[in-house]
Amino acid sequence: MQLIDKDLLSMQEVRELVEAAKEAQQELARMDQAQVDRIVRAIADAGVRNARRLAQMANDPKMASKPEKVREGIVTGKLGKFYKENCLLQQEFVKDNAMTVEQYIASVAKTLGGTITFKNAVRFEKGEGIEKKQENFAEEIASMVKG
């Protein structure tokens, strides 16, 4: 029988969750708020476009001759490509291109024996909102030479 200190085990789980959160933050750091806004807008627009396209496909003679399973596969493939290019959770995980961000989150949750839910994201740009001091290098050198 092996004795395990549950408090130490819980602390280790928290450390692992923090590490996983840091890795997820690195994914978000690649994007600025304008990119996130464009993605959200694009997803909403794509939903409308895809609904229209599905309606057109239903009436298209070329698609009508194809089996239902093939038509579903075409639609699923097109949606999957769009999401992979535009949705954070569907993009490749930066540290392991073999999995998506969503798959990474699921693997960490499975490893820890719990669940992790991605709720919200805010991206901060390094140096954002900081006024940069404007210096004239030539004037600085000239003042050093004179004085």
Protein backbone atom coordinates (compact mmCIF):
# COMPACT_ATOMS: atom_id res chain seq x y z
CA MET A 1 0.00 0.00 0.00
CA GLN A 2 1.41 3.34 -1.05
CA LEU A 3 0.69 6.44 1.01
CA ILE A 4 0.26 9.65 -0.94
CA ASP A 5 0.08 13.07 0.63
CA LYS A 6 -3.07 14.49 -0.96
CA ASP A 7 -2.03 18.09 -0.25
CA LEU A 8 1.28 17.61 -2.06
CA LEU A 9 -0.52 15.89 -4.91
CA SER A 10 -2.99 18.78 -5.18
CA MET A 11 -0.14 21.30 -5.19
CA GLN A 12 1.54 19.41 -8.03
CA GLU A 13 -1.73 19.38 -9.99
CA VAL A 14 -1.99 23.14 -9.55
CA ARG A 15 1.59 23.56 -10.79
CA GLU A 16 0.79 21.47 -13.85
CA LEU A 17 -2.35 23.51 -14.52
CA VAL A 18 -0.37 26.74 -14.24
CA GLU A 19 2.20 25.39 -16.68
CA ALA A 20 -0.57 24.39 -19.08
CA ALA A 21 -2.08 27.86 -18.75
CA LYS A 22 1.29 29.44 -19.55
CA GLU A 23 1.58 27.31 -22.67
CA ALA A 24 -1.95 28.29 -23.74
CA GLN A 25 -1.00 31.93 -23.14
CA GLN A 26 1.90 31.53 -25.57
CA GLU A 27 -0.61 30.52 -28.21
CA LEU A 28 -2.64 33.65 -27.54
CA ALA A 29 0.45 35.84 -27.52
CA ARG A 30 0.82 35.26 -31.23
CA MET A 31 -2.38 37.21 -31.86
CA ASP A 32 -3.35 40.79 -31.25
CA GLN A 33 -6.88 41.96 -30.39
CA ALA A 34 -7.54 43.02 -33.96
CA GLN A 35 -6.79 39.45 -35.10
CA VAL A 36 -9.13 38.02 -32.48
CA ASP A 37 -11.86 40.47 -33.53
CA ARG A 38 -11.36 39.58 -37.20
CA ILE A 39 -11.59 35.89 -36.38
CA VAL A 40 -14.82 36.31 -34.45
CA ARG A 41 -16.27 38.45 -37.23
CA ALA A 42 -15.10 35.98 -39.88
CA ILE A 43 -16.68 33.06 -38.05
CA ALA A 44 -20.02 34.85 -37.85
CA ASP A 45 -19.83 35.81 -41.53
CA ALA A 46 -18.78 32.28 -42.46
CA GLY A 47 -21.79 30.87 -40.65
CA VAL A 48 -24.09 32.98 -42.80
CA ARG A 49 -22.14 32.17 -45.99
CA ASN A 50 -22.14 28.45 -45.23
CA ALA A 51 -25.86 28.45 -44.56
CA ARG A 52 -26.39 30.07 -47.96
CA ARG A 53 -23.96 27.68 -49.60
CA LEU A 54 -25.70 24.67 -48.10
CA ALA A 55 -29.01 25.93 -49.43
CA GLN A 56 -27.47 26.37 -52.88
CA MET A 57 -25.81 22.95 -52.73
CA ALA A 58 -29.16 21.34 -52.03
CA ASN A 59 -30.46 22.75 -55.32
CA ASP A 60 -27.26 22.26 -57.35
CA PRO A 61 -27.70 19.52 -60.00
CA LYS A 62 -24.03 18.41 -59.65
CA MET A 63 -24.39 17.91 -55.91
CA ALA A 64 -27.83 16.32 -56.21
CA SER A 65 -26.30 13.38 -58.07
CA LYS A 66 -23.79 12.71 -55.28
CA PRO A 67 -24.66 10.49 -52.32
CA GLU A 68 -25.68 12.20 -49.09
CA LYS A 69 -22.55 10.91 -47.31
CA VAL A 70 -20.28 12.51 -49.95
CA ARG A 71 -22.12 15.85 -49.70
CA GLU A 72 -21.77 15.81 -45.91
CA GLY A 73 -18.06 15.05 -46.28
CA ILE A 74 -17.55 17.99 -48.62
CA VAL A 75 -19.32 20.38 -46.26
CA THR A 76 -17.49 19.01 -43.21
CA GLY A 77 -14.13 19.33 -44.97
CA LYS A 78 -14.76 22.94 -45.96
CA LEU A 79 -15.87 23.89 -42.45
CA GLY A 80 -12.91 22.07 -40.89
CA LYS A 81 -10.46 23.95 -43.10
CA PHE A 82 -12.03 27.28 -42.17
CA TYR A 83 -11.92 26.53 -38.44
CA LYS A 84 -8.32 25.29 -38.58
CA GLU A 85 -7.25 28.56 -40.17
CA ASN A 86 -9.33 30.91 -38.01
CA CYS A 87 -10.21 29.41 -34.60
CA LEU A 88 -7.64 29.38 -31.79
CA LEU A 89 -8.73 26.02 -30.41
CA GLN A 90 -8.49 24.40 -33.87
CA GLN A 91 -5.04 25.81 -34.69
CA GLU A 92 -1.83 23.84 -34.32
CA PHE A 93 -0.34 23.89 -30.83
CA VAL A 94 2.87 25.91 -31.00
CA LYS A 95 4.99 23.40 -29.05
CA ASP A 96 3.65 20.29 -30.82
CA ASN A 97 2.33 20.73 -34.35
CA ALA A 98 0.91 17.19 -34.27
CA MET A 99 -2.01 18.38 -32.11
CA THR A 100 -4.37 21.34 -31.94
CA VAL A 101 -4.71 23.68 -28.98
CA GLU A 102 -7.99 21.96 -28.13
CA GLN A 103 -6.33 18.51 -28.21
CA TYR A 104 -3.52 19.79 -26.00
CA ILE A 105 -6.00 21.11 -23.43
CA ALA A 106 -7.82 17.75 -23.49
CA SER A 107 -4.57 15.82 -23.06
CA VAL A 108 -3.54 17.92 -20.05
CA ALA A 109 -7.00 17.46 -18.53
CA LYS A 110 -6.78 13.70 -19.06
CA THR A 111 -3.29 13.58 -17.55
CA LEU A 112 -4.49 15.46 -14.49
CA GLY A 113 -7.66 13.41 -14.25
CA GLY A 114 -10.03 16.36 -14.46
CA THR A 115 -11.52 18.80 -16.91
CA ILE A 116 -10.21 22.06 -18.29
CA THR A 117 -12.64 24.49 -19.87
CA PHE A 118 -11.42 27.30 -22.11
CA LYS A 119 -13.64 30.21 -21.09
CA ASN A 120 -12.11 33.43 -22.35
CA ALA A 121 -8.95 34.93 -23.70
CA VAL A 122 -7.42 38.36 -23.60
CA ARG A 123 -4.23 39.08 -25.46
CA PHE A 124 -1.76 41.64 -24.16
CA GLU A 125 0.91 42.97 -26.47
CA LYS A 126 4.33 43.55 -24.96
CA GLY A 127 4.72 47.28 -24.30
CA GLU A 128 1.10 48.03 -25.19
CA GLY A 129 -0.07 51.37 -23.79
CA ILE A 130 3.40 52.52 -22.81
CA GLU A 131 4.50 55.85 -24.23
CA LYS A 132 7.88 55.54 -25.85
CA LYS A 133 10.32 58.37 -25.22
CA GLN A 134 11.40 59.94 -28.51
CA GLU A 135 15.11 60.67 -28.57
CA ASN A 136 17.22 62.30 -31.21
CA PHE A 137 20.48 60.37 -31.33
CA ALA A 138 22.29 63.07 -33.36
CA GLU A 139 21.43 65.78 -30.81
CA GLU A 140 22.55 63.53 -27.96
CA ILE A 141 25.96 62.96 -29.60
CA ALA A 142 26.31 66.68 -30.40
CA SER A 143 25.64 67.61 -26.76
CA MET A 144 28.26 65.09 -25.60
CA VAL A 145 30.87 66.49 -27.98
CA LYS A 146 30.20 70.12 -26.92
CA GLY A 147 30.12 69.56 -23.25
